[in-house]
Amino acid sequence: MLKYFKRDSLKILVDLGSLRPYQELSMGIDFIPRLAGQAEYELIKKDRNIDGLNDIVHATATKIARAHKASIMREIKRQEDAEIQKKKQERDKIEATKLRKEHRNALREAYSLKKLAADFVN
């Protein structure tokens, strides 16, 4: 069958692993434990990668959640401050109105006293 096959081609095929003796085709005693070890290593490596990614996602999500919560607290504080400022302005407005009214009443009373004193003197 390989009568017309060139020697160089035979060597190349043997080197590439296409043609091997039947003894070399068996898996061997140490291949399966190595294969199992490699599979276990790959599973452990995959789990570590997944754990690492989970840690990164958790840290990022925690950071974003903290920033979001701080933003919410700042907005609540701003709204409370605005409400306090509005109430203060209303109180100041009422107080100013009351002071103007008292001032007008004092002027009226002073005018009335002045007029009464002028009438009393005359």
Protein backbone atom coordinates (compact mmCIF):
# COMPACT_ATOMS: atom_id res chain seq x y z
CA MET A 1 0.00 0.00 0.00
CA LEU A 2 2.75 2.47 0.83
CA LYS A 3 4.91 1.03 -1.96
CA TYR A 4 4.88 4.20 -4.04
CA PHE A 5 4.96 6.53 -1.07
CA LYS A 6 8.00 8.75 -0.84
CA ARG A 7 10.19 8.50 2.21
CA ASP A 8 10.11 12.28 2.89
CA SER A 9 6.32 12.32 2.76
CA LEU A 10 6.25 9.40 5.21
CA LYS A 11 8.54 11.24 7.62
CA ILE A 12 6.45 14.40 7.36
CA LEU A 13 3.22 12.50 8.07
CA VAL A 14 4.83 10.69 11.00
CA ASP A 15 6.14 14.02 12.35
CA LEU A 16 2.71 15.64 11.99
CA GLY A 17 1.13 12.73 13.82
CA SER A 18 -0.96 11.50 10.93
CA LEU A 19 0.84 8.16 10.75
CA ARG A 20 1.75 6.52 14.04
CA PRO A 21 2.37 3.01 15.13
CA TYR A 22 -0.55 1.40 16.96
CA GLN A 23 1.40 1.44 20.25
CA GLU A 24 1.46 5.24 20.20
CA LEU A 25 -2.26 5.52 19.49
CA SER A 26 -3.21 4.38 22.99
CA MET A 27 -3.89 7.11 25.50
CA GLY A 28 -1.37 5.86 27.98
CA ILE A 29 -1.65 5.47 31.70
CA ASP A 30 -0.64 9.01 32.67
CA PHE A 31 -2.74 10.89 30.09
CA ILE A 32 -6.14 10.50 31.79
CA PRO A 33 -5.00 11.79 35.23
CA ARG A 34 -3.35 14.74 33.51
CA LEU A 35 -6.52 15.37 31.53
CA ALA A 36 -8.59 15.24 34.74
CA GLY A 37 -6.11 17.58 36.44
CA GLN A 38 -6.32 20.00 33.52
CA ALA A 39 -10.13 19.91 33.60
CA GLU A 40 -10.11 20.56 37.36
CA TYR A 41 -7.66 23.43 36.88
CA GLU A 42 -9.86 24.94 34.17
CA LEU A 43 -12.93 24.73 36.44
CA ILE A 44 -11.07 26.35 39.33
CA LYS A 45 -9.73 29.06 37.02
CA LYS A 46 -13.24 29.72 35.68
CA ASP A 47 -14.65 29.92 39.23
CA ARG A 48 -11.90 32.36 40.23
CA ASN A 49 -12.62 34.51 37.18
CA ILE A 50 -16.33 34.50 37.97
CA ASP A 51 -15.64 35.32 41.63
CA GLY A 52 -13.34 38.16 40.57
CA LEU A 53 -15.95 39.56 38.22
CA ASN A 54 -18.61 39.25 40.93
CA ASP A 55 -16.36 41.16 43.33
CA ILE A 56 -15.79 43.91 40.76
CA VAL A 57 -19.51 44.18 39.98
CA HIS A 58 -20.38 44.20 43.69
CA ALA A 59 -17.81 46.90 44.49
CA THR A 60 -18.97 49.04 41.56
CA ALA A 61 -22.65 48.61 42.41
CA THR A 62 -21.95 49.44 46.07
CA LYS A 63 -20.08 52.59 45.06
CA ILE A 64 -22.89 53.68 42.74
CA ALA A 65 -25.53 52.91 45.40
CA ARG A 66 -23.65 55.00 47.99
CA ALA A 67 -23.35 57.91 45.57
CA HIS A 68 -27.05 57.62 44.71
CA LYS A 69 -28.07 57.54 48.38
CA ALA A 70 -25.88 60.57 49.11
CA SER A 71 -27.48 62.39 46.18
CA ILE A 72 -30.96 61.57 47.51
CA MET A 73 -30.00 62.84 50.97
CA ARG A 74 -28.61 66.08 49.49
CA GLU A 75 -31.84 66.62 47.55
CA ILE A 76 -33.97 66.00 50.66
CA LYS A 77 -31.78 68.43 52.63
CA ARG A 78 -32.08 71.04 49.86
CA GLN A 79 -35.88 70.70 49.84
CA GLU A 80 -36.03 70.99 53.64
CA ASP A 81 -33.80 74.08 53.55
CA ALA A 82 -35.97 75.64 50.85
CA GLU A 83 -39.09 74.96 52.92
CA ILE A 84 -37.47 76.45 56.05
CA GLN A 85 -36.40 79.52 54.05
CA LYS A 86 -39.93 79.94 52.69
CA LYS A 87 -41.43 79.73 56.19
CA LYS A 88 -38.87 82.24 57.45
CA GLN A 89 -39.76 84.67 54.66
CA GLU A 90 -43.45 84.32 55.49
CA ARG A 91 -42.75 85.00 59.19
CA ASP A 92 -40.58 87.99 58.28
CA LYS A 93 -43.32 89.32 56.01
CA ILE A 94 -45.94 88.95 58.76
CA GLU A 95 -43.58 90.56 61.28
CA ALA A 96 -42.85 93.47 58.92
CA THR A 97 -46.59 93.99 58.36
CA LYS A 98 -47.17 93.96 62.12
CA LEU A 99 -44.34 96.47 62.70
CA ARG A 100 -45.70 98.82 59.99
CA LYS A 101 -49.18 98.60 61.52
CA GLU A 102 -47.82 99.35 65.00
CA HIS A 103 -45.79 102.27 63.59
CA ARG A 104 -48.88 103.70 61.84
CA ASN A 105 -50.92 103.29 65.02
CA ALA A 106 -48.17 105.02 67.03
CA LEU A 107 -48.09 107.89 64.51
CA ARG A 108 -51.89 108.18 64.66
CA GLU A 109 -51.80 108.17 68.44
CA ALA A 110 -49.01 110.78 68.49
CA TYR A 111 -50.99 112.94 66.03
CA SER A 112 -54.13 112.53 68.12
CA LEU A 113 -52.24 113.46 71.31
CA LYS A 114 -50.67 116.44 69.59
CA LYS A 115 -54.05 117.57 68.30
CA LEU A 116 -55.68 117.02 71.71
CA ALA A 117 -52.89 118.97 73.44
CA ALA A 118 -53.29 121.79 70.88
CA ASP A 119 -57.07 121.83 71.43
CA PHE A 120 -56.60 121.69 75.18
CA VAL A 121 -54.18 124.59 75.14
CA ASN A 122 -56.48 126.70 73.00
